[in-house]
């Protein structure tokens, strides 16, 4: 069964850091783009960062300079290093690895 498993979320104080991981398991012929989305309560899911198979990246303006997306193609894993976290970064974070179905997400809470 093909699935995504996200991990690394938690509670952190403002200014802190977290590193999210997302591993795709199962038989997947090829993976092109990998991305992270987030959804805060009462808001729509939004794109946070995306990385292509060639390593090109793009970020939401709200996280530029603070978040870094990376990937390990051999392990079918995508990472999100989040630094200088702010309360407004609080959300459920999902990775996106088409054509694999969405995973359960990992909760990130930034609060003092």
PDB file of N, CA and C in Angstrom:
ATOM      1  N   UNK A   1       0.845  -1.181   0.000  1.00  0.00           N
ATOM      2  CA  UNK A   1       0.000   0.000   0.000  1.00  0.00           C
ATOM      3  C   UNK A   1       0.886   1.239   0.000  1.00  0.00           C
ATOM      4  N   UNK A   2       0.590   2.174  -0.891  1.00  0.00           N
ATOM      5  CA  UNK A   2       1.374   3.387  -0.993  1.00  0.00           C
ATOM      6  C   UNK A   2       0.816   4.415  -0.017  1.00  0.00           C
ATOM      7  N   UNK A   3       1.671   4.993   0.798  1.00  0.00           N
ATOM      8  CA  UNK A   3       1.204   5.985   1.760  1.00  0.00           C
ATOM      9  C   UNK A   3       2.327   6.927   2.155  1.00  0.00           C
ATOM     10  N   UNK A   4       1.918   8.032   2.785  1.00  0.00           N
ATOM     11  CA  UNK A   4       2.856   9.021   3.300  1.00  0.00           C
ATOM     12  C   UNK A   4       2.785   9.026   4.818  1.00  0.00           C
ATOM     13  N   UNK A   5       3.931   9.130   5.452  1.00  0.00           N
ATOM     14  CA  UNK A   5       3.980   9.206   6.902  1.00  0.00           C
ATOM     15  C   UNK A   5       4.794  10.426   7.292  1.00  0.00           C
ATOM     16  N   UNK A   6       4.091  11.411   7.882  1.00  0.00           N
ATOM     17  CA  UNK A   6       4.762  12.630   8.336  1.00  0.00           C
ATOM     18  C   UNK A   6       5.146  12.505   9.804  1.00  0.00           C
ATOM     19  N   UNK A   7       6.235  13.160  10.182  1.00  0.00           N
ATOM     20  CA  UNK A   7       6.662  13.159  11.581  1.00  0.00           C
ATOM     21  C   UNK A   7       7.474  14.410  11.865  1.00  0.00           C
ATOM     22  N   UNK A   8       7.720  14.653  13.146  1.00  0.00           N
ATOM     23  CA  UNK A   8       8.584  15.764  13.536  1.00  0.00           C
ATOM     24  C   UNK A   8       7.878  16.958  14.117  1.00  0.00           C
ATOM     25  N   UNK A   9       6.565  16.950  14.108  1.00  0.00           N
ATOM     26  CA  UNK A   9       5.833  18.074  14.670  1.00  0.00           C
ATOM     27  C   UNK A   9       5.907  18.097  16.184  1.00  0.00           C
ATOM     28  N   UNK A  10       5.374  19.162  16.763  1.00  0.00           N
ATOM     29  CA  UNK A  10       5.371  19.264  18.206  1.00  0.00           C
ATOM     30  C   UNK A  10       5.080  20.673  18.665  1.00  0.00           C
ATOM     31  N   UNK A  11       5.292  20.883  19.952  1.00  0.00           N
ATOM     32  CA  UNK A  11       5.103  22.195  20.563  1.00  0.00           C
ATOM     33  C   UNK A  11       6.466  22.855  20.720  1.00  0.00           C
ATOM     34  N   UNK A  12       6.569  24.084  20.257  1.00  0.00           N
ATOM     35  CA  UNK A  12       7.833  24.804  20.333  1.00  0.00           C
ATOM     36  C   UNK A  12       7.558  26.266  20.667  1.00  0.00           C
ATOM     37  N   UNK A  13       8.494  26.889  21.344  1.00  0.00           N
ATOM     38  CA  UNK A  13       8.341  28.310  21.668  1.00  0.00           C
ATOM     39  C   UNK A  13       8.654  29.184  20.462  1.00  0.00           C
ATOM     40  N   UNK A  14       8.104  30.380  20.432  1.00  0.00           N
ATOM     41  CA  UNK A  14       8.454  31.312  19.346  1.00  0.00           C
ATOM     42  C   UNK A  14       9.964  31.487  19.251  1.00  0.00           C
ATOM     43  N   UNK A  15      10.458  31.482  18.027  1.00  0.00           N
ATOM     44  CA  UNK A  15      11.885  31.565  17.790  1.00  0.00           C
ATOM     45  C   UNK A  15      12.580  30.225  17.715  1.00  0.00           C
ATOM     46  N   UNK A  16      11.874  29.169  18.045  1.00  0.00           N
ATOM     47  CA  UNK A  16      12.458  27.835  18.031  1.00  0.00           C
ATOM     48  C   UNK A  16      12.473  27.207  16.652  1.00  0.00           C
ATOM     49  N   UNK A  17      12.917  25.953  16.615  1.00  0.00           N
ATOM     50  CA  UNK A  17      13.061  25.225  15.356  1.00  0.00           C
ATOM     51  C   UNK A  17      12.444  23.837  15.453  1.00  0.00           C
ATOM     52  N   UNK A  18      12.011  23.349  14.316  1.00  0.00           N
ATOM     53  CA  UNK A  18      11.545  21.971  14.169  1.00  0.00           C
ATOM     54  C   UNK A  18      11.955  21.473  12.790  1.00  0.00           C
ATOM     55  N   UNK A  19      12.109  20.158  12.680  1.00  0.00           N
ATOM     56  CA  UNK A  19      12.405  19.543  11.387  1.00  0.00           C
ATOM     57  C   UNK A  19      11.364  18.473  11.123  1.00  0.00           C
ATOM     58  N   UNK A  20      10.590  18.679  10.072  1.00  0.00           N
ATOM     59  CA  UNK A  20       9.569  17.723   9.682  1.00  0.00           C
ATOM     60  C   UNK A  20      10.139  16.747   8.647  1.00  0.00           C
ATOM     61  N   UNK A  21       9.643  15.523   8.730  1.00  0.00           N
ATOM     62  CA  UNK A  21      10.033  14.507   7.754  1.00  0.00           C
ATOM     63  C   UNK A  21       8.780  13.864   7.193  1.00  0.00           C
ATOM     64  N   UNK A  22       8.873  13.417   5.955  1.00  0.00           N
ATOM     65  CA  UNK A  22       7.753  12.719   5.318  1.00  0.00           C
ATOM     66  C   UNK A  22       8.326  11.640   4.419  1.00  0.00           C
ATOM     67  N   UNK A  23       7.982  10.412   4.723  1.00  0.00           N
ATOM     68  CA  UNK A  23       8.479   9.281   3.954  1.00  0.00           C
ATOM     69  C   UNK A  23       7.341   8.660   3.156  1.00  0.00           C
ATOM     70  N   UNK A  24       7.595   8.414   1.892  1.00  0.00           N
ATOM     71  CA  UNK A  24       6.635   7.726   1.037  1.00  0.00           C
ATOM     72  C   UNK A  24       6.997   6.255   1.008  1.00  0.00           C
ATOM     73  N   UNK A  25       6.023   5.423   1.342  1.00  0.00           N
ATOM     74  CA  UNK A  25       6.280   3.980   1.360  1.00  0.00           C
ATOM     75  C   UNK A  25       5.461   3.298   0.276  1.00  0.00           C
ATOM     76  N   UNK A  26       5.901   2.140  -0.119  1.00  0.00           N
ATOM     77  CA  UNK A  26       5.193   1.402  -1.147  1.00  0.00           C
ATOM     78  C   UNK A  26       5.864   1.563  -2.505  1.00  0.00           C
ATOM     79  N   UNK A  27       5.254   0.941  -3.486  1.00  0.00           N
ATOM     80  CA  UNK A  27       5.821   0.943  -4.827  1.00  0.00           C
ATOM     81  C   UNK A  27       5.406   2.213  -5.569  1.00  0.00           C
ATOM     82  N   UNK A  28       6.375   3.066  -5.830  1.00  0.00           N
ATOM     83  CA  UNK A  28       6.121   4.307  -6.558  1.00  0.00           C
ATOM     84  C   UNK A  28       7.076   4.361  -7.733  1.00  0.00           C
ATOM     85  N   UNK A  29       6.530   4.472  -8.939  1.00  0.00           N
ATOM     86  CA  UNK A  29       7.371   4.406 -10.127  1.00  0.00           C
ATOM     87  C   UNK A  29       8.335   5.570 -10.197  1.00  0.00           C
ATOM     88  N   UNK A  30       7.821   6.757  -9.997  1.00  0.00           N
ATOM     89  CA  UNK A  30       8.689   7.934 -10.045  1.00  0.00           C
ATOM     90  C   UNK A  30       8.072   9.053  -9.215  1.00  0.00           C
ATOM     91  N   UNK A  31       8.952   9.875  -8.656  1.00  0.00           N
ATOM     92  CA  UNK A  31       8.512  11.024  -7.876  1.00  0.00           C
ATOM     93  C   UNK A  31       9.114  12.263  -8.492  1.00  0.00           C
ATOM     94  N   UNK A  32       8.277  13.219  -8.834  1.00  0.00           N
ATOM     95  CA  UNK A  32       8.773  14.472  -9.380  1.00  0.00           C
ATOM     96  C   UNK A  32       8.764  15.523  -8.276  1.00  0.00           C
ATOM     97  N   UNK A  33       7.681  16.235  -8.146  1.00  0.00           N
ATOM     98  CA  UNK A  33       7.642  17.266  -7.118  1.00  0.00           C
ATOM     99  C   UNK A  33       7.297  16.663  -5.757  1.00  0.00           C
ATOM    100  N   UNK A  34       7.826  17.309  -4.737  1.00  0.00           N
ATOM    101  CA  UNK A  34       7.483  17.002  -3.349  1.00  0.00           C
ATOM    102  C   UNK A  34       7.247  18.351  -2.681  1.00  0.00           C
ATOM    103  N   UNK A  35       6.273  18.399  -1.801  1.00  0.00           N
ATOM    104  CA  UNK A  35       5.920  19.701  -1.237  1.00  0.00           C
ATOM    105  C   UNK A  35       5.378  19.545   0.177  1.00  0.00           C
ATOM    106  N   UNK A  36       5.329  20.663   0.850  1.00  0.00           N
ATOM    107  CA  UNK A  36       4.688  20.750   2.164  1.00  0.00           C
ATOM    108  C   UNK A  36       3.562  21.779   2.090  1.00  0.00           C
ATOM    109  N   UNK A  37       2.433  21.407   2.648  1.00  0.00           N
ATOM    110  CA  UNK A  37       1.297  22.299   2.810  1.00  0.00           C
ATOM    111  C   UNK A  37       0.997  22.406   4.306  1.00  0.00           C
ATOM    112  N   UNK A  38       0.210  23.395   4.654  1.00  0.00           N
ATOM    113  CA  UNK A  38      -0.249  23.498   6.034  1.00  0.00           C
ATOM    114  C   UNK A  38      -1.671  24.031   6.062  1.00  0.00           C
ATOM    115  N   UNK A  39      -2.359  23.684   7.129  1.00  0.00           N
ATOM    116  CA  UNK A  39      -3.730  24.154   7.298  1.00  0.00           C
ATOM    117  C   UNK A  39      -3.949  24.524   8.749  1.00  0.00           C
ATOM    118  N   UNK A  40      -4.233  25.790   8.971  1.00  0.00           N
ATOM    119  CA  UNK A  40      -4.538  26.277  10.307  1.00  0.00           C
ATOM    120  C   UNK A  40      -6.047  26.196  10.525  1.00  0.00           C
ATOM    121  N   UNK A  41      -6.485  26.136  11.772  1.00  0.00           N
ATOM    122  CA  UNK A  41      -7.920  26.049  12.052  1.00  0.00           C
ATOM    123  C   UNK A  41      -8.703  27.189  11.402  1.00  0.00           C
ATOM    124  N   UNK A  42      -9.756  26.835  10.684  1.00  0.00           N
ATOM    125  CA  UNK A  42     -10.599  27.834  10.048  1.00  0.00           C
ATOM    126  C   UNK A  42     -10.040  28.432   8.774  1.00  0.00           C
ATOM    127  N   UNK A  43      -8.909  27.909   8.314  1.00  0.00           N
ATOM    128  CA  UNK A  43      -8.291  28.443   7.100  1.00  0.00           C
ATOM    129  C   UNK A  43      -8.123  27.355   6.053  1.00  0.00           C
ATOM    130  N   UNK A  44      -7.908  27.781   4.823  1.00  0.00           N
ATOM    131  CA  UNK A  44      -7.685  26.825   3.744  1.00  0.00           C
ATOM    132  C   UNK A  44      -6.262  26.274   3.792  1.00  0.00           C
ATOM    133  N   UNK A  45      -6.098  25.093   3.240  1.00  0.00           N
ATOM    134  CA  UNK A  45      -4.763  24.517   3.132  1.00  0.00           C
ATOM    135  C   UNK A  45      -3.944  25.380   2.181  1.00  0.00           C
ATOM    136  N   UNK A  46      -2.711  25.673   2.558  1.00  0.00           N
ATOM    137  CA  UNK A  46      -1.859  26.528   1.734  1.00  0.00           C
ATOM    138  C   UNK A  46      -0.511  25.864   1.484  1.00  0.00           C
ATOM    139  N   UNK A  47       0.065  26.180   0.338  1.00  0.00           N
ATOM    140  CA  UNK A  47       1.380  25.669  -0.015  1.00  0.00           C
ATOM    141  C   UNK A  47       2.446  26.411   0.787  1.00  0.00           C
ATOM    142  N   UNK A  48       3.339  25.646   1.385  1.00  0.00           N
ATOM    143  CA  UNK A  48       4.425  26.220   2.173  1.00  0.00           C
ATOM    144  C   UNK A  48       5.725  26.222   1.375  1.00  0.00           C
ATOM    145  N   UNK A  49       6.065  25.063   0.797  1.00  0.00           N
ATOM    146  CA  UNK A  49       7.314  24.942   0.055  1.00  0.00           C
ATOM    147  C   UNK A  49       7.204  23.775  -0.904  1.00  0.00           C
ATOM    148  N   UNK A  50       7.961  23.868  -1.994  1.00  0.00           N
ATOM    149  CA  UNK A  50       7.939  22.815  -3.006  1.00  0.00           C
ATOM    150  C   UNK A  50       9.352  22.605  -3.537  1.00  0.00           C
ATOM    151  N   UNK A  51       9.665  21.359  -3.881  1.00  0.00           N
ATOM    152  CA  UNK A  51      10.972  21.037  -4.438  1.00  0.00           C
ATOM    153  C   UNK A  51      10.782  20.048  -5.580  1.00  0.00           C
ATOM    154  N   UNK A  52      11.460  20.304  -6.695  1.00  0.00           N
ATOM    155  CA  UNK A  52      11.358  19.417  -7.843  1.00  0.00           C
ATOM    156  C   UNK A  52      12.403  18.307  -7.754  1.00  0.00           C
ATOM    157  N   UNK A  53      12.322  17.381  -8.669  1.00  0.00           N
ATOM    158  CA  UNK A  53      13.284  16.276  -8.694  1.00  0.00           C
ATOM    159  C   UNK A  53      14.697  16.795  -8.958  1.00  0.00           C
ATOM    160  N   UNK A  54      14.788  17.946  -9.620  1.00  0.00           N
ATOM    161  CA  UNK A  54      16.086  18.536  -9.909  1.00  0.00           C
ATOM    162  C   UNK A  54      16.634  19.402  -8.796  1.00  0.00           C
ATOM    163  N   UNK A  55      15.834  19.593  -7.748  1.00  0.00           N
ATOM    164  CA  UNK A  55      16.298  20.370  -6.608  1.00  0.00           C
ATOM    165  C   UNK A  55      15.866  21.815  -6.588  1.00  0.00           C
ATOM    166  N   UNK A  56      15.107  22.249  -7.561  1.00  0.00           N
ATOM    167  CA  UNK A  56      14.603  23.621  -7.549  1.00  0.00           C
ATOM    168  C   UNK A  56      13.555  23.768  -6.462  1.00  0.00           C
ATOM    169  N   UNK A  57      13.598  24.902  -5.776  1.00  0.00           N
ATOM    170  CA  UNK A  57      12.686  25.113  -4.661  1.00  0.00           C
ATOM    171  C   UNK A  57      11.914  26.414  -4.822  1.00  0.00           C
ATOM    172  N   UNK A  58      10.778  26.465  -4.131  1.00  0.00           N
ATOM    173  CA  UNK A  58       9.988  27.685  -4.076  1.00  0.00           C
ATOM    174  C   UNK A  58       9.267  27.696  -2.741  1.00  0.00           C
ATOM    175  N   UNK A  59       9.092  28.903  -2.204  1.00  0.00           N
ATOM    176  CA  UNK A  59       8.516  29.035  -0.869  1.00  0.00           C
ATOM    177  C   UNK A  59       7.398  30.077  -0.841  1.00  0.00           C
ATOM    178  N   UNK A  60       6.480  29.891   0.081  1.00  0.00           N
ATOM    179  CA  UNK A  60       5.502  30.929   0.366  1.00  0.00           C
ATOM    180  C   UNK A  60       6.245  32.136   0.934  1.00  0.00           C
ATOM    181  N   UNK A  61       5.763  33.320   0.611  1.00  0.00           N
ATOM    182  CA  UNK A  61       6.433  34.533   1.094  1.00  0.00           C
ATOM    183  C   UNK A  61       6.549  34.553   2.619  1.00  0.00           C
ATOM    184  N   UNK A  62       5.559  34.001   3.276  1.00  0.00           N
ATOM    185  CA  UNK A  62       5.519  34.051   4.740  1.00  0.00           C
ATOM    186  C   UNK A  62       6.614  33.223   5.412  1.00  0.00           C
ATOM    187  N   UNK A  63       7.246  32.306   4.670  1.00  0.00           N
ATOM    188  CA  UNK A  63       8.261  31.451   5.288  1.00  0.00           C
ATOM    189  C   UNK A  63       9.644  31.614   4.663  1.00  0.00           C
ATOM    190  N   UNK A  64       9.746  32.432   3.632  1.00  0.00           N
ATOM    191  CA  UNK A  64      11.041  32.622   2.972  1.00  0.00           C
ATOM    192  C   UNK A  64      12.088  33.110   3.958  1.00  0.00           C
ATOM    193  N   UNK A  65      13.255  32.493   3.892  1.00  0.00           N
ATOM    194  CA  UNK A  65      14.340  32.862   4.790  1.00  0.00           C
ATOM    195  C   UNK A  65      14.297  32.156   6.128  1.00  0.00           C
ATOM    196  N   UNK A  66      13.199  31.474   6.420  1.00  0.00           N
ATOM    197  CA  UNK A  66      13.067  30.767   7.707  1.00  0.00           C
ATOM    198  C   UNK A  66      12.952  29.253   7.525  1.00  0.00           C
ATOM    199  N   UNK A  67      12.311  28.825   6.449  1.00  0.00           N
ATOM    200  CA  UNK A  67      12.088  27.401   6.200  1.00  0.00           C
ATOM    201  C   UNK A  67      12.960  26.939   5.038  1.00  0.00           C
ATOM    202  N   UNK A  68      13.376  25.682   5.097  1.00  0.00           N
ATOM    203  CA  UNK A  68      14.154  25.085   4.017  1.00  0.00           C
ATOM    204  C   UNK A  68      13.608  23.696   3.714  1.00  0.00           C
ATOM    205  N   UNK A  69      13.263  23.476   2.458  1.00  0.00           N
ATOM    206  CA  UNK A  69      12.789  22.157   2.035  1.00  0.00           C
ATOM    207  C   UNK A  69      13.947  21.414   1.385  1.00  0.00           C
ATOM    208  N   UNK A  70      14.019  20.116   1.638  1.00  0.00           N
ATOM    209  CA  UNK A  70      15.040  19.278   1.016  1.00  0.00           C
ATOM    210  C   UNK A  70      14.464  17.882   0.821  1.00  0.00           C
ATOM    211  N   UNK A  71      15.186  17.047   0.091  1.00  0.00           N
ATOM    212  CA  UNK A  71      14.671  15.712  -0.182  1.00  0.00           C
ATOM    213  C   UNK A  71      15.804  14.709  -0.299  1.00  0.00           C
ATOM    214  N   UNK A  72      15.462  13.470  -0.018  1.00  0.00           N
ATOM    215  CA  UNK A  72      16.370  12.336  -0.213  1.00  0.00           C
ATOM    216  C   UNK A  72      15.661  11.399  -1.180  1.00  0.00           C
ATOM    217  N   UNK A  73      16.049  11.437  -2.433  1.00  0.00           N
ATOM    218  CA  UNK A  73      15.343  10.660  -3.452  1.00  0.00           C
ATOM    219  C   UNK A  73      15.462   9.152  -3.214  1.00  0.00           C
ATOM    220  N   UNK A  74      16.601   8.717  -2.766  1.00  0.00           N
ATOM    221  CA  UNK A  74      16.798   7.288  -2.546  1.00  0.00           C
ATOM    222  C   UNK A  74      15.858   6.757  -1.469  1.00  0.00           C
ATOM    223  N   UNK A  75      15.567   7.595  -0.481  1.00  0.00           N
ATOM    224  CA  UNK A  75      14.696   7.186   0.620  1.00  0.00           C
ATOM    225  C   UNK A  75      13.259   7.670   0.431  1.00  0.00           C
ATOM    226  N   UNK A  76      12.991   8.333  -0.707  1.00  0.00           N
ATOM    227  CA  UNK A  76      11.643   8.842  -0.987  1.00  0.00           C
ATOM    228  C   UNK A  76      11.130   9.670   0.197  1.00  0.00           C
ATOM    229  N   UNK A  77      11.978  10.542   0.661  1.00  0.00           N
ATOM    230  CA  UNK A  77      11.669  11.346   1.847  1.00  0.00           C
ATOM    231  C   UNK A  77      11.878  12.819   1.554  1.00  0.00           C
ATOM    232  N   UNK A  78      10.976  13.637   2.089  1.00  0.00           N
ATOM    233  CA  UNK A  78      11.092  15.082   1.987  1.00  0.00           C
ATOM    234  C   UNK A  78      11.134  15.658   3.393  1.00  0.00           C
ATOM    235  N   UNK A  79      11.922  16.710   3.554  1.00  0.00           N
ATOM    236  CA  UNK A  79      12.116  17.333   4.855  1.00  0.00           C
ATOM    237  C   UNK A  79      11.709  18.801   4.808  1.00  0.00           C
ATOM    238  N   UNK A  80      11.376  19.330   5.971  1.00  0.00           N
ATOM    239  CA  UNK A  80      11.128  20.763   6.089  1.00  0.00           C
ATOM    240  C   UNK A  80      11.796  21.240   7.373  1.00  0.00           C
ATOM    241  N   UNK A  81      12.882  21.978   7.218  1.00  0.00           N
ATOM    242  CA  UNK A  81      13.556  22.584   8.356  1.00  0.00           C
ATOM    243  C   UNK A  81      12.918  23.936   8.615  1.00  0.00           C
ATOM    244  N   UNK A  82      12.387  24.106   9.805  1.00  0.00           N
ATOM    245  CA  UNK A  82      11.674  25.332  10.148  1.00  0.00           C
ATOM    246  C   UNK A  82      12.405  26.034  11.286  1.00  0.00           C
ATOM    247  N   UNK A  83      12.901  27.220  11.006  1.00  0.00           N
ATOM    248  CA  UNK A  83      13.606  28.019  11.994  1.00  0.00           C
ATOM    249  C   UNK A  83      12.839  29.311  12.279  1.00  0.00           C
ATOM    250  N   UNK A  84      13.193  29.955  13.371  1.00  0.00           N
ATOM    251  CA  UNK A  84      12.569  31.230  13.750  1.00  0.00           C
ATOM    252  C   UNK A  84      11.049  31.133  13.692  1.00  0.00           C
ATOM    253  N   UNK A  85      10.532  30.089  14.283  1.00  0.00           N
ATOM    254  CA  UNK A  85       9.090  29.835  14.219  1.00  0.00           C
ATOM    255  C   UNK A  85       8.293  30.926  14.917  1.00  0.00           C
ATOM    256  N   UNK A  86       7.121  31.205  14.361  1.00  0.00           N
ATOM    257  CA  UNK A  86       6.214  32.219  14.867  1.00  0.00           C
ATOM    258  C   UNK A  86       4.878  31.576  15.221  1.00  0.00           C
ATOM    259  N   UNK A  87       4.112  32.197  16.109  1.00  0.00           N
ATOM    260  CA  UNK A  87       2.794  31.637  16.441  1.00  0.00           C
ATOM    261  C   UNK A  87       1.913  31.428  15.207  1.00  0.00           C
ATOM    262  N   UNK A  88       2.063  32.271  14.215  1.00  0.00           N
ATOM    263  CA  UNK A  88       1.246  32.123  13.009  1.00  0.00           C
ATOM    264  C   UNK A  88       1.656  30.945  12.138  1.00  0.00           C
ATOM    265  N   UNK A  89       2.730  30.274  12.499  1.00  0.00           N
ATOM    266  CA  UNK A  89       3.117  29.035  11.808  1.00  0.00           C
ATOM    267  C   UNK A  89       2.366  27.821  12.357  1.00  0.00           C
ATOM    268  N   UNK A  90       1.615  28.029  13.420  1.00  0.00           N
ATOM    269  CA  UNK A  90       0.842  26.936  14.009  1.00  0.00           C
ATOM    270  C   UNK A  90      -0.169  26.399  13.003  1.00  0.00           C
ATOM    271  N   UNK A  91      -0.095  25.097  12.744  1.00  0.00           N
ATOM    272  CA  UNK A  91      -0.976  24.465  11.747  1.00  0.00           C
ATOM    273  C   UNK A  91      -0.708  22.973  11.722  1.00  0.00           C
ATOM    274  N   UNK A  92      -1.559  22.283  10.992  1.00  0.00           N
ATOM    275  CA  UNK A  92      -1.327  20.879  10.671  1.00  0.00           C
ATOM    276  C   UNK A  92      -0.570  20.865   9.346  1.00  0.00           C
ATOM    277  N   UNK A  93       0.596  20.260   9.350  1.00  0.00           N
ATOM    278  CA  UNK A  93       1.461  20.248   8.179  1.00  0.00           C
ATOM    279  C   UNK A  93       1.348  18.908   7.450  1.00  0.00           C
ATOM    280  N   UNK A  94       1.153  19.001   6.142  1.00  0.00           N
ATOM    281  CA  UNK A  94       1.014  17.818   5.292  1.00  0.00           C
ATOM    282  C   UNK A  94       2.096  17.848   4.216  1.00  0.00           C
ATOM    283  N   UNK A  95       2.608  16.690   3.893  1.00  0.00           N
ATOM    284  CA  UNK A  95       3.465  16.631   2.721  1.00  0.00           C
ATOM    285  C   UNK A  95       2.618  16.193   1.527  1.00  0.00           C
ATOM    286  N   UNK A  96       3.105  16.558   0.355  1.00  0.00           N
ATOM    287  CA  UNK A  96       2.395  16.285  -0.900  1.00  0.00           C
ATOM    288  C   UNK A  96       3.381  15.635  -1.846  1.00  0.00           C
ATOM    289  N   UNK A  97       3.090  14.394  -2.197  1.00  0.00           N
ATOM    290  CA  UNK A  97       3.974  13.627  -3.075  1.00  0.00           C
ATOM    291  C   UNK A  97       3.085  12.903  -4.088  1.00  0.00           C
ATOM    292  N   UNK A  98       2.666  13.609  -5.110  1.00  0.00           N
ATOM    293  CA  UNK A  98       1.785  12.961  -6.086  1.00  0.00           C
ATOM    294  C   UNK A  98       2.481  11.793  -6.775  1.00  0.00           C
ATOM    295  N   UNK A  99       1.804  10.671  -7.015  1.00  0.00           N
ATOM    296  CA  UNK A  99       0.360  10.462  -6.887  1.00  0.00           C
ATOM    297  C   UNK A  99      -0.081   9.825  -5.567  1.00  0.00           C
ATOM    298  N   UNK A 100       0.792   9.894  -4.539  1.00  0.00           N
ATOM    299  CA  UNK A 100       0.449   9.246  -3.273  1.00  0.00           C
ATOM    300  C   UNK A 100      -0.655  10.041  -2.566  1.00  0.00           C
ATOM    301  N   UNK A 101      -1.626   9.384  -1.983  1.00  0.00           N
ATOM    302  CA  UNK A 101      -2.690  10.095  -1.268  1.00  0.00           C
ATOM    303  C   UNK A 101      -2.138  10.896  -0.090  1.00  0.00           C
ATOM    304  N   UNK A 102      -2.844  11.953   0.281  1.00  0.00           N
ATOM    305  CA  UNK A 102      -2.445  12.754   1.430  1.00  0.00           C
ATOM    306  C   UNK A 102      -2.308  11.886   2.672  1.00  0.00           C
ATOM    307  N   UNK A 103      -1.348  12.242   3.533  1.00  0.00           N
ATOM    308  CA  UNK A 103      -1.197  11.557   4.808  1.00  0.00           C
ATOM    309  C   UNK A 103      -2.037  12.220   5.885  1.00  0.00           C
ATOM    310  N   UNK A 104      -1.753  11.849   7.131  1.00  0.00           N
ATOM    311  CA  UNK A 104      -2.524  12.368   8.261  1.00  0.00           C
ATOM    312  C   UNK A 104      -2.032  13.735   8.718  1.00  0.00           C
ATOM    313  N   UNK A 105      -0.845  14.100   8.329  1.00  0.00           N
ATOM    314  CA  UNK A 105      -0.295  15.376   8.753  1.00  0.00           C
ATOM    315  C   UNK A 105       0.388  15.286  10.103  1.00  0.00           C
ATOM    316  N   UNK A 106       1.140  16.315  10.420  1.00  0.00           N
ATOM    317  CA  UNK A 106       1.805  16.404  11.715  1.00  0.00           C
ATOM    318  C   UNK A 106       1.573  17.812  12.274  1.00  0.00           C
ATOM    319  N   UNK A 107       1.173  17.874  13.529  1.00  0.00           N
ATOM    320  CA  UNK A 107       0.778  19.143  14.137  1.00  0.00           C
ATOM    321  C   UNK A 107       2.011  19.925  14.600  1.00  0.00           C
ATOM    322  N   UNK A 108       2.038  21.193  14.232  1.00  0.00           N
ATOM    323  CA  UNK A 108       3.062  22.113  14.704  1.00  0.00           C
ATOM    324  C   UNK A 108       2.363  23.221  15.476  1.00  0.00           C
ATOM    325  N   UNK A 109       2.759  23.391  16.724  1.00  0.00           N
ATOM    326  CA  UNK A 109       2.183  24.426  17.566  1.00  0.00           C
ATOM    327  C   UNK A 109       3.306  25.311  18.093  1.00  0.00           C
ATOM    328  N   UNK A 110       3.200  26.606  17.812  1.00  0.00           N
ATOM    329  CA  UNK A 110       4.211  27.563  18.260  1.00  0.00           C
ATOM    330  C   UNK A 110       3.559  28.466  19.308  1.00  0.00           C
ATOM    331  N   UNK A 111       4.000  28.301  20.528  1.00  0.00           N
ATOM    332  CA  UNK A 111       3.363  29.034  21.624  1.00  0.00           C
ATOM    333  C   UNK A 111       4.310  29.108  22.810  1.00  0.00           C
ATOM    334  N   UNK A 112       4.210  30.200  23.539  1.00  0.00           N
ATOM    335  CA  UNK A 112       5.001  30.335  24.764  1.00  0.00           C
ATOM    336  C   UNK A 112       4.209  29.846  25.969  1.00  0.00           C
TER     337      UNK A 112
END
